Full PDB file with SEQRES, HELIX, SHEET, SSBOND, CRYST1, ORIGX, SCALE, CONECT and MASTER records, all heavy atoms in Angstrom:
SEQRES   1 A   47  VAL THR PHE LYS THR GLU GLY GLU PHE LEU SER ALA VAL          
SEQRES   2 A   47  ASP LYS LYS ALA ALA SER ARG GLU ARG LYS ALA ALA GLU          
SEQRES   3 A   47  ALA ALA ARG THR GLU ILE LEU SER LYS LEU GLY VAL GLU          
SEQRES   4 A   47  SER VAL ASP ASP LEU ASP SER LEU                              
HELIX    1 AA1 GLU A    6  LEU A   36  1                                  31    
HELIX    2 AA2 VAL A   41  SER A   46  1                                   6    
CRYST1    1.000    1.000    1.000  90.00  90.00  90.00 P 1           1          
ORIGX1      1.000000  0.000000  0.000000        0.00000                         
ORIGX2      0.000000  1.000000  0.000000        0.00000                         
ORIGX3      0.000000  0.000000  1.000000        0.00000                         
SCALE1      1.000000  0.000000  0.000000        0.00000                         
SCALE2      0.000000  1.000000  0.000000        0.00000                         
SCALE3      0.000000  0.000000  1.000000        0.00000                         
ATOM      1  N   VAL A   1      19.408 108.815  57.811  1.00  0.00           N  
ATOM      2  CA  VAL A   1      19.895 108.834  59.292  1.00  0.00           C  
ATOM      3  C   VAL A   1      18.990 109.594  60.125  1.00  0.00           C  
ATOM      4  O   VAL A   1      18.599 110.651  59.785  1.00  0.00           O  
ATOM      5  CB  VAL A   1      21.391 109.414  59.190  1.00  0.00           C  
ATOM      6  CG1 VAL A   1      21.881 109.404  60.572  1.00  0.00           C  
ATOM      7  CG2 VAL A   1      22.251 108.631  58.209  1.00  0.00           C  
ATOM      8  N   THR A   2      18.644 109.060  61.262  1.00  0.00           N  
ATOM      9  CA  THR A   2      17.797 109.708  62.142  1.00  0.00           C  
ATOM     10  C   THR A   2      18.523 109.891  63.509  1.00  0.00           C  
ATOM     11  O   THR A   2      19.373 109.085  63.837  1.00  0.00           O  
ATOM     12  CB  THR A   2      16.463 108.975  62.371  1.00  0.00           C  
ATOM     13  OG1 THR A   2      16.827 107.601  62.920  1.00  0.00           O  
ATOM     14  CG2 THR A   2      15.625 108.792  61.105  1.00  0.00           C  
ATOM     15  N   PHE A   3      18.265 110.952  64.145  1.00  0.00           N  
ATOM     16  CA  PHE A   3      18.861 111.191  65.525  1.00  0.00           C  
ATOM     17  C   PHE A   3      17.736 111.169  66.583  1.00  0.00           C  
ATOM     18  O   PHE A   3      16.565 111.738  66.225  1.00  0.00           O  
ATOM     19  CB  PHE A   3      19.528 112.471  65.549  1.00  0.00           C  
ATOM     20  CG  PHE A   3      20.622 112.492  64.441  1.00  0.00           C  
ATOM     21  CD1 PHE A   3      20.438 113.063  63.153  1.00  0.00           C  
ATOM     22  CD2 PHE A   3      21.882 111.955  64.709  1.00  0.00           C  
ATOM     23  CE1 PHE A   3      21.477 112.981  62.111  1.00  0.00           C  
ATOM     24  CE2 PHE A   3      22.843 111.931  63.766  1.00  0.00           C  
ATOM     25  CZ  PHE A   3      22.679 112.447  62.466  1.00  0.00           C  
ATOM     26  N   LYS A   4      18.017 110.720  67.722  1.00  0.00           N  
ATOM     27  CA  LYS A   4      16.967 110.655  68.796  1.00  0.00           C  
ATOM     28  C   LYS A   4      16.759 112.103  69.433  1.00  0.00           C  
ATOM     29  O   LYS A   4      15.678 112.480  69.804  1.00  0.00           O  
ATOM     30  CB  LYS A   4      17.333 109.770  69.828  1.00  0.00           C  
ATOM     31  CG  LYS A   4      17.217 108.329  69.370  1.00  0.00           C  
ATOM     32  CD  LYS A   4      17.722 107.319  70.486  1.00  0.00           C  
ATOM     33  CE  LYS A   4      17.764 105.866  69.916  1.00  0.00           C  
ATOM     34  NZ  LYS A   4      18.201 104.830  70.802  1.00  0.00           N  
ATOM     35  N   THR A   5      17.946 112.844  69.443  1.00  0.00           N  
ATOM     36  CA  THR A   5      17.925 114.146  70.072  1.00  0.00           C  
ATOM     37  C   THR A   5      18.622 115.174  69.199  1.00  0.00           C  
ATOM     38  O   THR A   5      19.406 114.831  68.319  1.00  0.00           O  
ATOM     39  CB  THR A   5      18.566 114.147  71.514  1.00  0.00           C  
ATOM     40  OG1 THR A   5      19.864 113.877  71.299  1.00  0.00           O  
ATOM     41  CG2 THR A   5      17.932 113.211  72.346  1.00  0.00           C  
ATOM     42  N   GLU A   6      18.356 116.522  69.495  1.00  0.00           N  
ATOM     43  CA  GLU A   6      19.008 117.555  68.795  1.00  0.00           C  
ATOM     44  C   GLU A   6      20.523 117.413  69.108  1.00  0.00           C  
ATOM     45  O   GLU A   6      21.406 117.735  68.207  1.00  0.00           O  
ATOM     46  CB  GLU A   6      18.428 118.854  69.212  1.00  0.00           C  
ATOM     47  CG  GLU A   6      18.946 119.995  68.394  1.00  0.00           C  
ATOM     48  CD  GLU A   6      18.423 121.335  68.713  1.00  0.00           C  
ATOM     49  OE1 GLU A   6      17.343 121.350  69.478  1.00  0.00           O  
ATOM     50  OE2 GLU A   6      18.915 122.282  68.309  1.00  0.00           O  
ATOM     51  N   GLY A   7      20.790 117.085  70.338  1.00  0.00           N  
ATOM     52  CA  GLY A   7      22.203 116.999  70.713  1.00  0.00           C  
ATOM     53  C   GLY A   7      22.969 115.961  69.902  1.00  0.00           C  
ATOM     54  O   GLY A   7      24.131 116.192  69.479  1.00  0.00           O  
ATOM     55  N   GLU A   8      22.359 114.869  69.700  1.00  0.00           N  
ATOM     56  CA  GLU A   8      23.056 113.880  68.811  1.00  0.00           C  
ATOM     57  C   GLU A   8      23.329 114.368  67.346  1.00  0.00           C  
ATOM     58  O   GLU A   8      24.262 114.228  66.815  1.00  0.00           O  
ATOM     59  CB  GLU A   8      22.173 112.561  68.703  1.00  0.00           C  
ATOM     60  CG  GLU A   8      22.124 111.653  69.974  1.00  0.00           C  
ATOM     61  CD  GLU A   8      21.297 110.491  69.736  1.00  0.00           C  
ATOM     62  OE1 GLU A   8      20.758 110.209  68.619  1.00  0.00           O  
ATOM     63  OE2 GLU A   8      21.199 109.752  70.712  1.00  0.00           O  
ATOM     64  N   PHE A   9      22.264 115.113  66.833  1.00  0.00           N  
ATOM     65  CA  PHE A   9      22.397 115.667  65.564  1.00  0.00           C  
ATOM     66  C   PHE A   9      23.495 116.695  65.591  1.00  0.00           C  
ATOM     67  O   PHE A   9      24.355 116.652  64.591  1.00  0.00           O  
ATOM     68  CB  PHE A   9      21.019 116.270  65.144  1.00  0.00           C  
ATOM     69  CG  PHE A   9      21.093 117.138  63.851  1.00  0.00           C  
ATOM     70  CD1 PHE A   9      21.235 116.559  62.699  1.00  0.00           C  
ATOM     71  CD2 PHE A   9      21.226 118.619  63.964  1.00  0.00           C  
ATOM     72  CE1 PHE A   9      21.379 117.315  61.551  1.00  0.00           C  
ATOM     73  CE2 PHE A   9      21.339 119.233  62.843  1.00  0.00           C  
ATOM     74  CZ  PHE A   9      21.413 118.639  61.610  1.00  0.00           C  
ATOM     75  N   LEU A  10      23.557 117.574  66.514  1.00  0.00           N  
ATOM     76  CA  LEU A  10      24.719 118.543  66.492  1.00  0.00           C  
ATOM     77  C   LEU A  10      26.034 117.943  66.632  1.00  0.00           C  
ATOM     78  O   LEU A  10      26.956 118.382  66.095  1.00  0.00           O  
ATOM     79  CB  LEU A  10      24.423 119.542  67.678  1.00  0.00           C  
ATOM     80  CG  LEU A  10      23.166 120.516  67.461  1.00  0.00           C  
ATOM     81  CD1 LEU A  10      22.925 121.327  68.736  1.00  0.00           C  
ATOM     82  CD2 LEU A  10      23.209 121.339  66.179  1.00  0.00           C  
ATOM     83  N   SER A  11      26.091 116.925  67.490  1.00  0.00           N  
ATOM     84  CA  SER A  11      27.378 116.270  67.620  1.00  0.00           C  
ATOM     85  C   SER A  11      27.828 115.607  66.333  1.00  0.00           C  
ATOM     86  O   SER A  11      28.941 115.679  65.984  1.00  0.00           O  
ATOM     87  CB  SER A  11      27.201 115.143  68.698  1.00  0.00           C  
ATOM     88  OG  SER A  11      28.393 114.402  68.779  1.00  0.00           O  
ATOM     89  N   ALA A  12      26.831 115.025  65.544  1.00  0.00           N  
ATOM     90  CA  ALA A  12      27.163 114.459  64.297  1.00  0.00           C  
ATOM     91  C   ALA A  12      27.604 115.479  63.270  1.00  0.00           C  
ATOM     92  O   ALA A  12      28.506 115.267  62.546  1.00  0.00           O  
ATOM     93  CB  ALA A  12      25.953 113.623  63.711  1.00  0.00           C  
ATOM     94  N   VAL A  13      26.901 116.568  63.262  1.00  0.00           N  
ATOM     95  CA  VAL A  13      27.354 117.698  62.518  1.00  0.00           C  
ATOM     96  C   VAL A  13      28.783 118.172  62.817  1.00  0.00           C  
ATOM     97  O   VAL A  13      29.534 118.452  61.897  1.00  0.00           O  
ATOM     98  CB  VAL A  13      26.322 118.939  62.595  1.00  0.00           C  
ATOM     99  CG1 VAL A  13      26.941 120.183  61.949  1.00  0.00           C  
ATOM    100  CG2 VAL A  13      25.004 118.518  62.028  1.00  0.00           C  
ATOM    101  N   ASP A  14      29.079 118.332  64.062  1.00  0.00           N  
ATOM    102  CA  ASP A  14      30.454 118.797  64.520  1.00  0.00           C  
ATOM    103  C   ASP A  14      31.456 117.783  63.961  1.00  0.00           C  
ATOM    104  O   ASP A  14      32.525 118.189  63.587  1.00  0.00           O  
ATOM    105  CB  ASP A  14      30.525 119.000  66.050  1.00  0.00           C  
ATOM    106  CG  ASP A  14      29.717 120.167  66.456  1.00  0.00           C  
ATOM    107  OD1 ASP A  14      29.418 121.091  65.669  1.00  0.00           O  
ATOM    108  OD2 ASP A  14      29.420 120.250  67.763  1.00  0.00           O  
ATOM    109  N   LYS A  15      31.171 116.441  64.197  1.00  0.00           N  
ATOM    110  CA  LYS A  15      32.132 115.549  63.650  1.00  0.00           C  
ATOM    111  C   LYS A  15      32.320 115.581  62.224  1.00  0.00           C  
ATOM    112  O   LYS A  15      33.575 115.413  61.692  1.00  0.00           O  
ATOM    113  CB  LYS A  15      31.710 114.128  64.164  1.00  0.00           C  
ATOM    114  CG  LYS A  15      31.764 113.770  65.606  1.00  0.00           C  
ATOM    115  CD  LYS A  15      31.304 112.360  65.913  1.00  0.00           C  
ATOM    116  CE  LYS A  15      31.310 112.083  67.399  1.00  0.00           C  
ATOM    117  NZ  LYS A  15      30.826 110.808  67.786  1.00  0.00           N  
ATOM    118  N   LYS A  16      31.351 115.740  61.468  1.00  0.00           N  
ATOM    119  CA  LYS A  16      31.429 115.725  59.977  1.00  0.00           C  
ATOM    120  C   LYS A  16      32.240 117.065  59.653  1.00  0.00           C  
ATOM    121  O   LYS A  16      33.138 117.013  58.759  1.00  0.00           O  
ATOM    122  CB  LYS A  16      30.048 115.827  59.368  1.00  0.00           C  
ATOM    123  CG  LYS A  16      30.015 115.733  57.918  1.00  0.00           C  
ATOM    124  CD  LYS A  16      30.302 114.355  57.464  1.00  0.00           C  
ATOM    125  CE  LYS A  16      30.070 114.154  55.999  1.00  0.00           C  
ATOM    126  NZ  LYS A  16      30.406 112.860  55.588  1.00  0.00           N  
ATOM    127  N   ALA A  17      31.966 118.223  60.264  1.00  0.00           N  
ATOM    128  CA  ALA A  17      32.706 119.483  60.002  1.00  0.00           C  
ATOM    129  C   ALA A  17      34.127 119.261  60.328  1.00  0.00           C  
ATOM    130  O   ALA A  17      35.021 119.781  59.545  1.00  0.00           O  
ATOM    131  CB  ALA A  17      32.084 120.596  60.717  1.00  0.00           C  
ATOM    132  N   ALA A  18      34.467 118.679  61.448  1.00  0.00           N  
ATOM    133  CA  ALA A  18      35.808 118.524  61.902  1.00  0.00           C  
ATOM    134  C   ALA A  18      36.566 117.601  60.928  1.00  0.00           C  
ATOM    135  O   ALA A  18      37.732 117.831  60.587  1.00  0.00           O  
ATOM    136  CB  ALA A  18      35.898 117.905  63.226  1.00  0.00           C  
ATOM    137  N   SER A  19      35.930 116.588  60.409  1.00  0.00           N  
ATOM    138  CA  SER A  19      36.457 115.654  59.399  1.00  0.00           C  
ATOM    139  C   SER A  19      36.799 116.431  58.073  1.00  0.00           C  
ATOM    140  O   SER A  19      37.911 116.247  57.468  1.00  0.00           O  
ATOM    141  CB  SER A  19      35.497 114.613  59.171  1.00  0.00           C  
ATOM    142  OG  SER A  19      36.014 113.817  58.052  1.00  0.00           O  
ATOM    143  N   ARG A  20      35.901 117.194  57.694  1.00  0.00           N  
ATOM    144  CA  ARG A  20      36.216 118.052  56.544  1.00  0.00           C  
ATOM    145  C   ARG A  20      37.206 119.048  56.543  1.00  0.00           C  
ATOM    146  O   ARG A  20      37.987 119.262  55.714  1.00  0.00           O  
ATOM    147  CB  ARG A  20      34.779 118.703  56.016  1.00  0.00           C  
ATOM    148  CG  ARG A  20      33.786 117.729  55.442  1.00  0.00           C  
ATOM    149  CD  ARG A  20      32.520 118.350  54.972  1.00  0.00           C  
ATOM    150  NE  ARG A  20      31.642 117.380  54.340  1.00  0.00           N  
ATOM    151  CZ  ARG A  20      30.356 117.529  54.127  1.00  0.00           C  
ATOM    152  NH1 ARG A  20      29.933 118.735  54.311  1.00  0.00           N  
ATOM    153  NH2 ARG A  20      29.695 116.597  53.564  1.00  0.00           N  
ATOM    154  N   GLU A  21      37.287 119.636  57.821  1.00  0.00           N  
ATOM    155  CA  GLU A  21      38.328 120.628  58.028  1.00  0.00           C  
ATOM    156  C   GLU A  21      39.691 119.968  58.110  1.00  0.00           C  
ATOM    157  O   GLU A  21      40.609 120.506  57.551  1.00  0.00           O  
ATOM    158  CB  GLU A  21      38.095 121.307  59.448  1.00  0.00           C  
ATOM    159  CG  GLU A  21      36.978 122.325  59.468  1.00  0.00           C  
ATOM    160  CD  GLU A  21      36.648 122.839  60.815  1.00  0.00           C  
ATOM    161  OE1 GLU A  21      37.428 122.605  61.744  1.00  0.00           O  
ATOM    162  OE2 GLU A  21      35.594 123.576  60.958  1.00  0.00           O  
ATOM    163  N   ARG A  22      39.793 118.789  58.618  1.00  0.00           N  
ATOM    164  CA  ARG A  22      40.943 118.004  58.617  1.00  0.00           C  
ATOM    165  C   ARG A  22      41.438 117.600  57.161  1.00  0.00           C  
ATOM    166  O   ARG A  22      42.596 117.871  56.874  1.00  0.00           O  
ATOM    167  CB  ARG A  22      40.838 116.788  59.446  1.00  0.00           C  
ATOM    168  CG  ARG A  22      41.298 116.886  60.929  1.00  0.00           C  
ATOM    169  CD  ARG A  22      41.365 115.556  61.547  1.00  0.00           C  
ATOM    170  NE  ARG A  22      40.303 114.528  61.330  1.00  0.00           N  
ATOM    171  CZ  ARG A  22      39.220 114.490  62.041  1.00  0.00           C  
ATOM    172  NH1 ARG A  22      38.930 115.384  63.023  1.00  0.00           N  
ATOM    173  NH2 ARG A  22      38.238 113.567  61.779  1.00  0.00           N  
ATOM    174  N   LYS A  23      40.512 117.174  56.447  1.00  0.00           N  
ATOM    175  CA  LYS A  23      40.807 116.832  55.053  1.00  0.00           C  
ATOM    176  C   LYS A  23      41.215 118.125  54.252  1.00  0.00           C  
ATOM    177  O   LYS A  23      42.209 117.980  53.387  1.00  0.00           O  
ATOM    178  CB  LYS A  23      39.623 116.251  54.401  1.00  0.00           C  
ATOM    179  CG  LYS A  23      39.336 114.758  54.908  1.00  0.00           C  
ATOM    180  CD  LYS A  23      38.114 114.249  54.313  1.00  0.00           C  
ATOM    181  CE  LYS A  23      37.805 112.821  54.923  1.00  0.00           C  
ATOM    182  NZ  LYS A  23      36.537 112.257  54.322  1.00  0.00           N  
ATOM    183  N   ALA A  24      40.498 119.206  54.453  1.00  0.00           N  
ATOM    184  CA  ALA A  24      40.943 120.488  53.683  1.00  0.00           C  
ATOM    185  C   ALA A  24      42.287 120.869  54.181  1.00  0.00           C  
ATOM    186  O   ALA A  24      43.144 121.286  53.328  1.00  0.00           O  
ATOM    187  CB  ALA A  24      39.872 121.451  53.975  1.00  0.00           C  
ATOM    188  N   ALA A  25      42.620 120.892  55.480  1.00  0.00           N  
ATOM    189  CA  ALA A  25      43.921 121.244  55.974  1.00  0.00           C  
ATOM    190  C   ALA A  25      44.976 120.327  55.409  1.00  0.00           C  
ATOM    191  O   ALA A  25      46.119 120.803  55.064  1.00  0.00           O  
ATOM    192  CB  ALA A  25      44.110 121.253  57.482  1.00  0.00           C  
ATOM    193  N   GLU A  26      44.810 119.018  55.390  1.00  0.00           N  
ATOM    194  CA  GLU A  26      45.721 117.978  54.818  1.00  0.00           C  
ATOM    195  C   GLU A  26      45.905 118.325  53.314  1.00  0.00           C  
ATOM    196  O   GLU A  26      47.026 118.308  52.890  1.00  0.00           O  
ATOM    197  CB  GLU A  26      45.163 116.655  55.023  1.00  0.00           C  
ATOM    198  CG  GLU A  26      46.258 115.572  54.666  1.00  0.00           C  
ATOM    199  CD  GLU A  26      45.626 114.143  55.013  1.00  0.00           C  
ATOM    200  OE1 GLU A  26      45.013 114.004  56.029  1.00  0.00           O  
ATOM    201  OE2 GLU A  26      46.043 113.231  54.271  1.00  0.00           O  
ATOM    202  N   ALA A  27      44.913 118.567  52.657  1.00  0.00           N  
ATOM    203  CA  ALA A  27      45.062 118.979  51.245  1.00  0.00           C  
ATOM    204  C   ALA A  27      45.884 120.173  50.947  1.00  0.00           C  
ATOM    205  O   ALA A  27      46.748 120.210  50.046  1.00  0.00           O  
ATOM    206  CB  ALA A  27      43.692 119.089  50.572  1.00  0.00           C  
ATOM    207  N   ALA A  28      45.669 121.230  51.840  1.00  0.00           N  
ATOM    208  CA  ALA A  28      46.361 122.477  51.680  1.00  0.00           C  
ATOM    209  C   ALA A  28      47.910 122.162  52.035  1.00  0.00           C  
ATOM    210  O   ALA A  28      48.744 122.704  51.312  1.00  0.00           O  
ATOM    211  CB  ALA A  28      45.816 123.473  52.539  1.00  0.00           C  
ATOM    212  N   ARG A  29      48.145 121.348  53.171  1.00  0.00           N  
ATOM    213  CA  ARG A  29      49.414 121.182  53.551  1.00  0.00           C  
ATOM    214  C   ARG A  29      50.184 120.260  52.398  1.00  0.00           C  
ATOM    215  O   ARG A  29      51.267 120.661  52.079  1.00  0.00           O  
ATOM    216  CB  ARG A  29      49.380 120.317  54.844  1.00  0.00           C  
ATOM    217  CG  ARG A  29      50.783 120.058  55.503  1.00  0.00           C  
ATOM    218  CD  ARG A  29      50.716 119.401  56.819  1.00  0.00           C  
ATOM    219  NE  ARG A  29      49.711 118.489  57.011  1.00  0.00           N  
ATOM    220  CZ  ARG A  29      48.522 118.650  57.681  1.00  0.00           C  
ATOM    221  NH1 ARG A  29      48.249 119.771  58.417  1.00  0.00           N  
ATOM    222  NH2 ARG A  29      47.559 117.800  57.880  1.00  0.00           N  
ATOM    223  N   THR A  30      49.383 119.368  51.837  1.00  0.00           N  
ATOM    224  CA  THR A  30      50.029 118.623  50.777  1.00  0.00           C  
ATOM    225  C   THR A  30      50.471 119.461  49.599  1.00  0.00           C  
ATOM    226  O   THR A  30      51.417 119.273  48.936  1.00  0.00           O  
ATOM    227  CB  THR A  30      49.043 117.417  50.339  1.00  0.00           C  
ATOM    228  OG1 THR A  30      48.875 116.604  51.534  1.00  0.00           O  
ATOM    229  CG2 THR A  30      49.692 116.626  49.196  1.00  0.00           C  
ATOM    230  N   GLU A  31      49.554 120.394  49.245  1.00  0.00           N  
ATOM    231  CA  GLU A  31      49.850 121.306  48.086  1.00  0.00           C  
ATOM    232  C   GLU A  31      51.041 122.027  48.354  1.00  0.00           C  
ATOM    233  O   GLU A  31      51.835 122.310  47.415  1.00  0.00           O  
ATOM    234  CB  GLU A  31      48.509 122.141  47.869  1.00  0.00           C  
ATOM    235  CG  GLU A  31      48.686 123.096  46.705  1.00  0.00           C  
ATOM    236  CD  GLU A  31      47.479 123.883  46.436  1.00  0.00           C  
ATOM    237  OE1 GLU A  31      46.426 123.765  47.062  1.00  0.00           O  
ATOM    238  OE2 GLU A  31      47.564 124.880  45.605  1.00  0.00           O  
ATOM    239  N   ILE A  32      50.997 122.720  49.586  1.00  0.00           N  
ATOM    240  CA  ILE A  32      52.264 123.642  49.886  1.00  0.00           C  
ATOM    241  C   ILE A  32      53.516 122.806  49.732  1.00  0.00           C  
ATOM    242  O   ILE A  32      54.499 123.309  49.239  1.00  0.00           O  
ATOM    243  CB  ILE A  32      51.924 124.178  51.304  1.00  0.00           C  
ATOM    244  CG1 ILE A  32      50.918 125.201  51.195  1.00  0.00           C  
ATOM    245  CG2 ILE A  32      53.300 124.908  51.727  1.00  0.00           C  
ATOM    246  CD1 ILE A  32      50.422 125.714  52.515  1.00  0.00           C  
ATOM    247  N   LEU A  33      53.490 121.618  50.350  1.00  0.00           N  
ATOM    248  CA  LEU A  33      54.787 120.784  50.438  1.00  0.00           C  
ATOM    249  C   LEU A  33      55.270 120.416  49.011  1.00  0.00           C  
ATOM    250  O   LEU A  33      56.340 120.400  48.775  1.00  0.00           O  
ATOM    251  CB  LEU A  33      54.590 119.604  51.364  1.00  0.00           C  
ATOM    252  CG  LEU A  33      54.495 119.840  52.915  1.00  0.00           C  
ATOM    253  CD1 LEU A  33      54.228 118.588  53.665  1.00  0.00           C  
ATOM    254  CD2 LEU A  33      55.704 120.516  53.383  1.00  0.00           C  
ATOM    255  N   SER A  34      54.135 120.008  48.222  1.00  0.00           N  
ATOM    256  CA  SER A  34      54.481 119.598  46.842  1.00  0.00           C  
ATOM    257  C   SER A  34      55.163 120.899  46.109  1.00  0.00           C  
ATOM    258  O   SER A  34      55.987 120.682  45.246  1.00  0.00           O  
ATOM    259  CB  SER A  34      53.268 119.085  46.086  1.00  0.00           C  
ATOM    260  OG  SER A  34      52.350 120.071  45.793  1.00  0.00           O  
ATOM    261  N   LYS A  35      54.643 122.137  46.324  1.00  0.00           N  
ATOM    262  CA  LYS A  35      55.222 123.255  45.787  1.00  0.00           C  
ATOM    263  C   LYS A  35      56.596 123.617  46.203  1.00  0.00           C  
ATOM    264  O   LYS A  35      57.432 124.055  45.525  1.00  0.00           O  
ATOM    265  CB  LYS A  35      54.295 124.470  46.022  1.00  0.00           C  
ATOM    266  CG  LYS A  35      53.059 124.531  45.267  1.00  0.00           C  
ATOM    267  CD  LYS A  35      52.271 125.779  45.564  1.00  0.00           C  
ATOM    268  CE  LYS A  35      50.935 125.748  44.672  1.00  0.00           C  
ATOM    269  NZ  LYS A  35      50.162 126.911  45.017  1.00  0.00           N  
ATOM    270  N   LEU A  36      56.918 123.148  47.460  1.00  0.00           N  
ATOM    271  CA  LEU A  36      58.350 123.265  47.942  1.00  0.00           C  
ATOM    272  C   LEU A  36      59.255 122.180  47.424  1.00  0.00           C  
ATOM    273  O   LEU A  36      60.367 122.084  47.738  1.00  0.00           O  
ATOM    274  CB  LEU A  36      58.260 123.320  49.395  1.00  0.00           C  
ATOM    275  CG  LEU A  36      57.564 124.529  50.059  1.00  0.00           C  
ATOM    276  CD1 LEU A  36      57.452 124.281  51.601  1.00  0.00           C  
ATOM    277  CD2 LEU A  36      58.451 125.742  49.871  1.00  0.00           C  
ATOM    278  N   GLY A  37      58.581 121.195  46.795  1.00  0.00           N  
ATOM    279  CA  GLY A  37      59.328 120.012  46.299  1.00  0.00           C  
ATOM    280  C   GLY A  37      59.536 118.873  47.353  1.00  0.00           C  
ATOM    281  O   GLY A  37      60.447 118.000  47.184  1.00  0.00           O  
ATOM    282  N   VAL A  38      58.650 118.906  48.309  1.00  0.00           N  
ATOM    283  CA  VAL A  38      58.702 117.878  49.393  1.00  0.00           C  
ATOM    284  C   VAL A  38      57.795 116.731  48.966  1.00  0.00           C  
ATOM    285  O   VAL A  38      56.642 116.873  48.956  1.00  0.00           O  
ATOM    286  CB  VAL A  38      58.377 118.425  50.794  1.00  0.00           C  
ATOM    287  CG1 VAL A  38      58.330 117.470  51.828  1.00  0.00           C  
ATOM    288  CG2 VAL A  38      59.355 119.657  51.148  1.00  0.00           C  
ATOM    289  N   GLU A  39      58.405 115.643  48.650  1.00  0.00           N  
ATOM    290  CA  GLU A  39      57.610 114.458  48.371  1.00  0.00           C  
ATOM    291  C   GLU A  39      57.678 113.280  49.445  1.00  0.00           C  
ATOM    292  O   GLU A  39      56.851 112.449  49.408  1.00  0.00           O  
ATOM    293  CB  GLU A  39      58.162 113.976  47.011  1.00  0.00           C  
ATOM    294  CG  GLU A  39      58.084 114.811  45.913  1.00  0.00           C  
ATOM    295  CD  GLU A  39      56.738 115.279  45.539  1.00  0.00           C  
ATOM    296  OE1 GLU A  39      55.836 114.359  45.605  1.00  0.00           O  
ATOM    297  OE2 GLU A  39      56.526 116.271  45.025  1.00  0.00           O  
ATOM    298  N   SER A  40      58.630 113.422  50.388  1.00  0.00           N  
ATOM    299  CA  SER A  40      58.794 112.331  51.401  1.00  0.00           C  
ATOM    300  C   SER A  40      59.188 112.935  52.720  1.00  0.00           C  
ATOM    301  O   SER A  40      59.515 114.150  52.717  1.00  0.00           O  
ATOM    302  CB  SER A  40      59.732 111.304  50.868  1.00  0.00           C  
ATOM    303  OG  SER A  40      61.100 111.778  50.915  1.00  0.00           O  
ATOM    304  N   VAL A  41      59.233 112.163  53.687  1.00  0.00           N  
ATOM    305  CA  VAL A  41      59.679 112.650  55.052  1.00  0.00           C  
ATOM    306  C   VAL A  41      61.176 113.035  55.043  1.00  0.00           C  
ATOM    307  O   VAL A  41      61.547 114.042  55.589  1.00  0.00           O  
ATOM    308  CB  VAL A  41      59.516 111.531  56.143  1.00  0.00           C  
ATOM    309  CG1 VAL A  41      60.014 111.925  57.380  1.00  0.00           C  
ATOM    310  CG2 VAL A  41      58.081 111.152  56.305  1.00  0.00           C  
ATOM    311  N   ASP A  42      61.961 112.320  54.197  1.00  0.00           N  
ATOM    312  CA  ASP A  42      63.450 112.627  54.040  1.00  0.00           C  
ATOM    313  C   ASP A  42      63.556 114.079  53.455  1.00  0.00           C  
ATOM    314  O   ASP A  42      64.324 114.852  53.825  1.00  0.00           O  
ATOM    315  CB  ASP A  42      64.119 111.689  53.177  1.00  0.00           C  
ATOM    316  CG  ASP A  42      64.214 110.248  53.785  1.00  0.00           C  
ATOM    317  OD1 ASP A  42      64.160 110.222  55.153  1.00  0.00           O  
ATOM    318  OD2 ASP A  42      64.278 109.275  53.156  1.00  0.00           O  
ATOM    319  N   ASP A  43      62.775 114.337  52.458  1.00  0.00           N  
ATOM    320  CA  ASP A  43      62.747 115.668  51.875  1.00  0.00           C  
ATOM    321  C   ASP A  43      62.348 116.818  52.785  1.00  0.00           C  
ATOM    322  O   ASP A  43      62.938 117.834  52.912  1.00  0.00           O  
ATOM    323  CB  ASP A  43      61.735 115.777  50.597  1.00  0.00           C  
ATOM    324  CG  ASP A  43      62.168 114.957  49.460  1.00  0.00           C  
ATOM    325  OD1 ASP A  43      63.412 114.663  49.382  1.00  0.00           O  
ATOM    326  OD2 ASP A  43      61.361 114.667  48.562  1.00  0.00           O  
ATOM    327  N   LEU A  44      61.346 116.481  53.696  1.00  0.00           N  
ATOM    328  CA  LEU A  44      60.936 117.416  54.717  1.00  0.00           C  
ATOM    329  C   LEU A  44      62.063 117.587  55.746  1.00  0.00           C  
ATOM    330  O   LEU A  44      62.351 118.766  56.194  1.00  0.00           O  
ATOM    331  CB  LEU A  44      59.662 116.920  55.392  1.00  0.00           C  
ATOM    332  CG  LEU A  44      59.093 117.827  56.472  1.00  0.00           C  
ATOM    333  CD1 LEU A  44      58.677 119.104  55.755  1.00  0.00           C  
ATOM    334  CD2 LEU A  44      57.823 117.268  57.041  1.00  0.00           C  
ATOM    335  N   ASP A  45      62.760 116.440  56.137  1.00  0.00           N  
ATOM    336  CA  ASP A  45      63.883 116.695  57.098  1.00  0.00           C  
ATOM    337  C   ASP A  45      64.950 117.514  56.502  1.00  0.00           C  
ATOM    338  O   ASP A  45      65.578 118.358  57.191  1.00  0.00           O  
ATOM    339  CB  ASP A  45      64.412 115.225  57.500  1.00  0.00           C  
ATOM    340  CG  ASP A  45      63.462 114.454  58.345  1.00  0.00           C  
ATOM    341  OD1 ASP A  45      62.557 115.104  58.911  1.00  0.00           O  
ATOM    342  OD2 ASP A  45      63.625 113.270  58.378  1.00  0.00           O  
ATOM    343  N   SER A  46      65.312 117.261  55.181  1.00  0.00           N  
ATOM    344  CA  SER A  46      66.273 117.966  54.437  1.00  0.00           C  
ATOM    345  C   SER A  46      65.933 119.555  54.436  1.00  0.00           C  
ATOM    346  O   SER A  46      66.762 120.361  54.664  1.00  0.00           O  
ATOM    347  CB  SER A  46      66.472 117.510  53.020  1.00  0.00           C  
ATOM    348  OG  SER A  46      67.341 118.329  52.373  1.00  0.00           O  
ATOM    349  N   LEU A  47      64.676 119.830  54.087  1.00  0.00           N  
ATOM    350  CA  LEU A  47      64.238 121.169  54.121  1.00  0.00           C  
ATOM    351  C   LEU A  47      64.321 121.780  55.527  1.00  0.00           C  
ATOM    352  O   LEU A  47      64.763 122.965  55.593  1.00  0.00           O  
ATOM    353  CB  LEU A  47      62.731 121.327  53.600  1.00  0.00           C  
ATOM    354  CG  LEU A  47      62.157 122.635  53.511  1.00  0.00           C  
ATOM    355  CD1 LEU A  47      62.839 123.498  52.460  1.00  0.00           C  
ATOM    356  CD2 LEU A  47      60.656 122.532  53.147  1.00  0.00           C  
TER     357      LEU A  47                                                      
MASTER        0    0    0    2    0    0    0    6  356    1    0    4          
END                                                                             
C-alpha cells in the first residue's frame, strides 16, 4: 500500500487504530457481559 502524502498515511493509521480500539472495546464489553450472564438483549434489559 502506498500513500501520496504523509497526511494520507497518518489518516490511514488513525483509522486502523480506531478500528482496533473499537474491536478491543467490543471484546471487553462482550467478556464482561458474558461474566454477568448476559447473552442477549433481553438478558441485558432484565439486568
